[in-house]
Amino acid sequence: FSGSAMARGKTLSYFAFGVRKGPGAEARLAGVASFGERLMAEDAPVLETIRFKKGVLVASDRHLARFLRYVETFPAAPPPE
């Protein structure tokens, strides 16, 4: 998975799926791609509205908190027009 900033508050998501070569590879690849598409469709409503606030994360959010600290200190430029 990867994403690209399109405009302020908007991103475009990209997925890459892969399976080992061999008998049934095309069917396995189709299954993995279908699973990924369903997963994103289920998560989209949450991902489109989620907002994070400092100080309200819980202990189980520690990995997210670490990522948010990384993002906060990462050099940034405004997205292209």
N, C-alpha and C. Protein backbone atom coordinates (compact mmCIF):
# COMPACT_ATOMS: atom_id res chain seq x y z
N PHE A 1 0.84 -1.18 0.00
CA PHE A 1 0.00 0.00 0.00
C PHE A 1 0.88 1.24 0.00
N SER A 2 0.45 2.22 -0.71
CA SER A 2 1.09 3.52 -0.68
C SER A 2 0.03 4.57 -0.97
N GLY A 3 0.31 5.78 -0.60
CA GLY A 3 -0.62 6.86 -0.86
C GLY A 3 0.11 8.08 -1.39
N SER A 4 -0.62 8.92 -2.07
CA SER A 4 -0.04 10.13 -2.63
C SER A 4 -0.96 11.30 -2.32
N ALA A 5 -0.38 12.39 -1.80
CA ALA A 5 -1.17 13.58 -1.51
C ALA A 5 -1.61 14.21 -2.82
N MET A 6 -2.90 14.46 -2.95
CA MET A 6 -3.45 15.07 -4.16
C MET A 6 -3.78 16.54 -3.94
N ALA A 7 -4.26 16.86 -2.79
CA ALA A 7 -4.60 18.22 -2.37
C ALA A 7 -4.72 18.18 -0.86
N ARG A 8 -4.83 19.31 -0.23
CA ARG A 8 -4.93 19.34 1.23
C ARG A 8 -6.12 18.48 1.68
N GLY A 9 -5.83 17.47 2.49
CA GLY A 9 -6.87 16.60 3.00
C GLY A 9 -7.32 15.51 2.05
N LYS A 10 -6.67 15.38 0.89
CA LYS A 10 -7.07 14.36 -0.11
C LYS A 10 -5.86 13.52 -0.49
N THR A 11 -6.04 12.21 -0.53
CA THR A 11 -4.97 11.32 -0.97
C THR A 11 -5.51 10.32 -1.98
N LEU A 12 -4.61 9.75 -2.74
CA LEU A 12 -4.93 8.69 -3.68
C LEU A 12 -4.15 7.47 -3.24
N SER A 13 -4.83 6.34 -3.06
CA SER A 13 -4.21 5.13 -2.57
C SER A 13 -3.83 4.20 -3.71
N TYR A 14 -2.71 3.51 -3.51
CA TYR A 14 -2.21 2.53 -4.47
C TYR A 14 -1.94 1.22 -3.73
N PHE A 15 -2.25 0.11 -4.37
CA PHE A 15 -2.00 -1.19 -3.78
C PHE A 15 -1.18 -2.02 -4.75
N ALA A 16 -0.32 -2.85 -4.21
CA ALA A 16 0.43 -3.82 -5.01
C ALA A 16 0.23 -5.17 -4.34
N PHE A 17 -0.26 -6.13 -5.08
CA PHE A 17 -0.49 -7.47 -4.56
C PHE A 17 0.41 -8.43 -5.30
N GLY A 18 0.90 -9.42 -4.63
CA GLY A 18 1.75 -10.41 -5.28
C GLY A 18 1.57 -11.78 -4.66
N VAL A 19 1.78 -12.80 -5.47
CA VAL A 19 1.76 -14.19 -5.01
C VAL A 19 2.90 -14.92 -5.70
N ARG A 20 3.27 -16.07 -5.17
CA ARG A 20 4.33 -16.87 -5.78
C ARG A 20 3.85 -17.45 -7.11
N LYS A 21 4.78 -17.56 -8.04
CA LYS A 21 4.46 -18.20 -9.33
C LYS A 21 4.12 -19.66 -9.09
N GLY A 22 3.38 -20.21 -10.02
CA GLY A 22 3.05 -21.62 -9.93
C GLY A 22 1.59 -21.87 -10.24
N PRO A 23 1.21 -23.13 -10.15
CA PRO A 23 -0.18 -23.48 -10.42
C PRO A 23 -1.14 -22.73 -9.49
N GLY A 24 -2.16 -22.17 -10.05
CA GLY A 24 -3.17 -21.47 -9.26
C GLY A 24 -2.80 -20.05 -8.88
N ALA A 25 -1.66 -19.56 -9.38
CA ALA A 25 -1.21 -18.22 -9.00
C ALA A 25 -2.22 -17.15 -9.40
N GLU A 26 -2.80 -17.26 -10.58
CA GLU A 26 -3.76 -16.24 -11.02
C GLU A 26 -4.98 -16.20 -10.11
N ALA A 27 -5.46 -17.36 -9.69
CA ALA A 27 -6.62 -17.42 -8.80
C ALA A 27 -6.27 -16.85 -7.43
N ARG A 28 -5.07 -17.20 -6.92
CA ARG A 28 -4.64 -16.66 -5.62
C ARG A 28 -4.50 -15.14 -5.69
N LEU A 29 -3.93 -14.65 -6.78
CA LEU A 29 -3.76 -13.21 -6.93
C LEU A 29 -5.11 -12.51 -6.97
N ALA A 30 -6.05 -13.09 -7.69
CA ALA A 30 -7.40 -12.51 -7.75
C ALA A 30 -8.04 -12.49 -6.36
N GLY A 31 -7.84 -13.55 -5.59
CA GLY A 31 -8.40 -13.62 -4.24
C GLY A 31 -7.79 -12.59 -3.31
N VAL A 32 -6.47 -12.43 -3.38
CA VAL A 32 -5.79 -11.45 -2.54
C VAL A 32 -6.23 -10.04 -2.92
N ALA A 33 -6.32 -9.76 -4.21
CA ALA A 33 -6.75 -8.43 -4.67
C ALA A 33 -8.19 -8.16 -4.23
N SER A 34 -9.05 -9.14 -4.33
CA SER A 34 -10.44 -8.98 -3.91
C SER A 34 -10.52 -8.70 -2.41
N PHE A 35 -9.73 -9.43 -1.63
CA PHE A 35 -9.70 -9.20 -0.18
C PHE A 35 -9.25 -7.77 0.12
N GLY A 36 -8.19 -7.31 -0.53
CA GLY A 36 -7.68 -5.97 -0.31
C GLY A 36 -8.70 -4.90 -0.66
N GLU A 37 -9.40 -5.10 -1.76
CA GLU A 37 -10.43 -4.13 -2.19
C GLU A 37 -11.59 -4.09 -1.19
N ARG A 38 -12.01 -5.26 -0.70
CA ARG A 38 -13.09 -5.30 0.30
C ARG A 38 -12.66 -4.64 1.60
N LEU A 39 -11.43 -4.91 2.01
CA LEU A 39 -10.91 -4.32 3.24
C LEU A 39 -10.91 -2.80 3.15
N MET A 40 -10.43 -2.26 2.04
CA MET A 40 -10.42 -0.80 1.88
C MET A 40 -11.83 -0.24 1.82
N ALA A 41 -12.74 -0.92 1.17
CA ALA A 41 -14.13 -0.45 1.09
C ALA A 41 -14.75 -0.40 2.49
N GLU A 42 -14.42 -1.38 3.34
CA GLU A 42 -14.95 -1.39 4.70
C GLU A 42 -14.32 -0.29 5.55
N ASP A 43 -13.03 -0.03 5.34
CA ASP A 43 -12.31 0.96 6.15
C ASP A 43 -12.48 2.39 5.64
N ALA A 44 -12.89 2.56 4.41
CA ALA A 44 -12.96 3.90 3.80
C ALA A 44 -13.77 4.90 4.63
N PRO A 45 -14.97 4.56 5.12
CA PRO A 45 -15.72 5.55 5.89
C PRO A 45 -14.96 6.05 7.12
N VAL A 46 -14.23 5.17 7.77
CA VAL A 46 -13.44 5.57 8.94
C VAL A 46 -12.24 6.40 8.50
N LEU A 47 -11.52 5.93 7.50
CA LEU A 47 -10.32 6.62 7.05
C LEU A 47 -10.62 8.00 6.48
N GLU A 48 -11.80 8.19 5.93
CA GLU A 48 -12.16 9.48 5.35
C GLU A 48 -12.58 10.51 6.40
N THR A 49 -12.92 10.05 7.59
CA THR A 49 -13.40 10.99 8.62
C THR A 49 -12.54 11.02 9.87
N ILE A 50 -11.56 10.15 9.98
CA ILE A 50 -10.76 10.07 11.20
C ILE A 50 -9.94 11.34 11.41
N ARG A 51 -9.88 11.78 12.65
CA ARG A 51 -9.08 12.94 13.04
C ARG A 51 -8.36 12.57 14.33
N PHE A 52 -7.11 12.94 14.43
CA PHE A 52 -6.32 12.62 15.61
C PHE A 52 -6.10 13.87 16.44
N LYS A 53 -6.15 13.71 17.76
CA LYS A 53 -5.87 14.81 18.68
C LYS A 53 -4.76 14.36 19.64
N LYS A 54 -3.84 15.24 19.88
CA LYS A 54 -2.80 14.93 20.86
C LYS A 54 -3.46 14.73 22.22
N GLY A 55 -2.93 13.75 22.95
CA GLY A 55 -3.40 13.53 24.31
C GLY A 55 -4.59 12.62 24.45
N VAL A 56 -5.19 12.15 23.35
CA VAL A 56 -6.36 11.28 23.49
C VAL A 56 -6.09 9.85 23.01
N LEU A 57 -4.86 9.55 22.63
CA LEU A 57 -4.54 8.19 22.23
C LEU A 57 -4.40 7.32 23.48
N VAL A 58 -4.70 6.05 23.33
CA VAL A 58 -4.59 5.11 24.45
C VAL A 58 -3.36 4.23 24.25
N ALA A 59 -3.05 3.41 25.24
CA ALA A 59 -1.83 2.59 25.22
C ALA A 59 -1.75 1.72 23.97
N SER A 60 -2.86 1.19 23.52
CA SER A 60 -2.82 0.31 22.34
C SER A 60 -2.55 1.10 21.05
N ASP A 61 -2.56 2.42 21.12
CA ASP A 61 -2.26 3.27 19.96
C ASP A 61 -0.78 3.65 19.90
N ARG A 62 0.07 2.96 20.64
CA ARG A 62 1.48 3.37 20.74
C ARG A 62 2.18 3.41 19.39
N HIS A 63 1.87 2.47 18.50
CA HIS A 63 2.52 2.48 17.19
C HIS A 63 2.02 3.67 16.36
N LEU A 64 0.74 3.97 16.46
CA LEU A 64 0.20 5.13 15.78
C LEU A 64 0.81 6.41 16.35
N ALA A 65 0.96 6.48 17.67
CA ALA A 65 1.56 7.66 18.30
C ALA A 65 3.00 7.85 17.81
N ARG A 66 3.72 6.76 17.68
CA ARG A 66 5.11 6.86 17.18
C ARG A 66 5.11 7.38 15.74
N PHE A 67 4.22 6.87 14.91
CA PHE A 67 4.12 7.33 13.53
C PHE A 67 3.75 8.82 13.48
N LEU A 68 2.80 9.24 14.30
CA LEU A 68 2.38 10.64 14.31
C LEU A 68 3.53 11.56 14.75
N ARG A 69 4.36 11.10 15.71
CA ARG A 69 5.54 11.89 16.10
C ARG A 69 6.49 12.01 14.92
N TYR A 70 6.67 10.92 14.18
CA TYR A 70 7.54 10.94 13.00
C TYR A 70 7.01 11.94 11.97
N VAL A 71 5.72 11.88 11.69
CA VAL A 71 5.11 12.78 10.71
C VAL A 71 5.25 14.23 11.14
N GLU A 72 5.06 14.48 12.43
CA GLU A 72 5.12 15.85 12.95
C GLU A 72 6.50 16.47 12.75
N THR A 73 7.54 15.67 12.80
CA THR A 73 8.90 16.21 12.68
C THR A 73 9.45 16.09 11.26
N PHE A 74 8.72 15.49 10.35
CA PHE A 74 9.18 15.30 8.98
C PHE A 74 9.09 16.62 8.21
N PRO A 75 10.15 16.97 7.48
CA PRO A 75 10.08 18.20 6.70
C PRO A 75 8.93 18.13 5.68
N ALA A 76 8.22 19.22 5.50
CA ALA A 76 7.06 19.21 4.62
C ALA A 76 7.05 20.44 3.72
N ALA A 77 6.38 20.28 2.61
CA ALA A 77 6.15 21.39 1.67
C ALA A 77 4.68 21.34 1.29
N PRO A 78 4.11 22.45 0.86
CA PRO A 78 2.70 22.41 0.47
C PRO A 78 2.51 21.50 -0.74
N PRO A 79 1.35 20.81 -0.81
CA PRO A 79 1.09 19.93 -1.96
C PRO A 79 1.02 20.74 -3.25
N PRO A 80 1.29 20.09 -4.37
CA PRO A 80 1.21 20.81 -5.65
C PRO A 80 -0.21 21.28 -5.94
N GLU A 81 -0.32 22.32 -6.71
CA GLU A 81 -1.64 22.85 -7.07
C GLU A 81 -2.37 21.90 -7.98
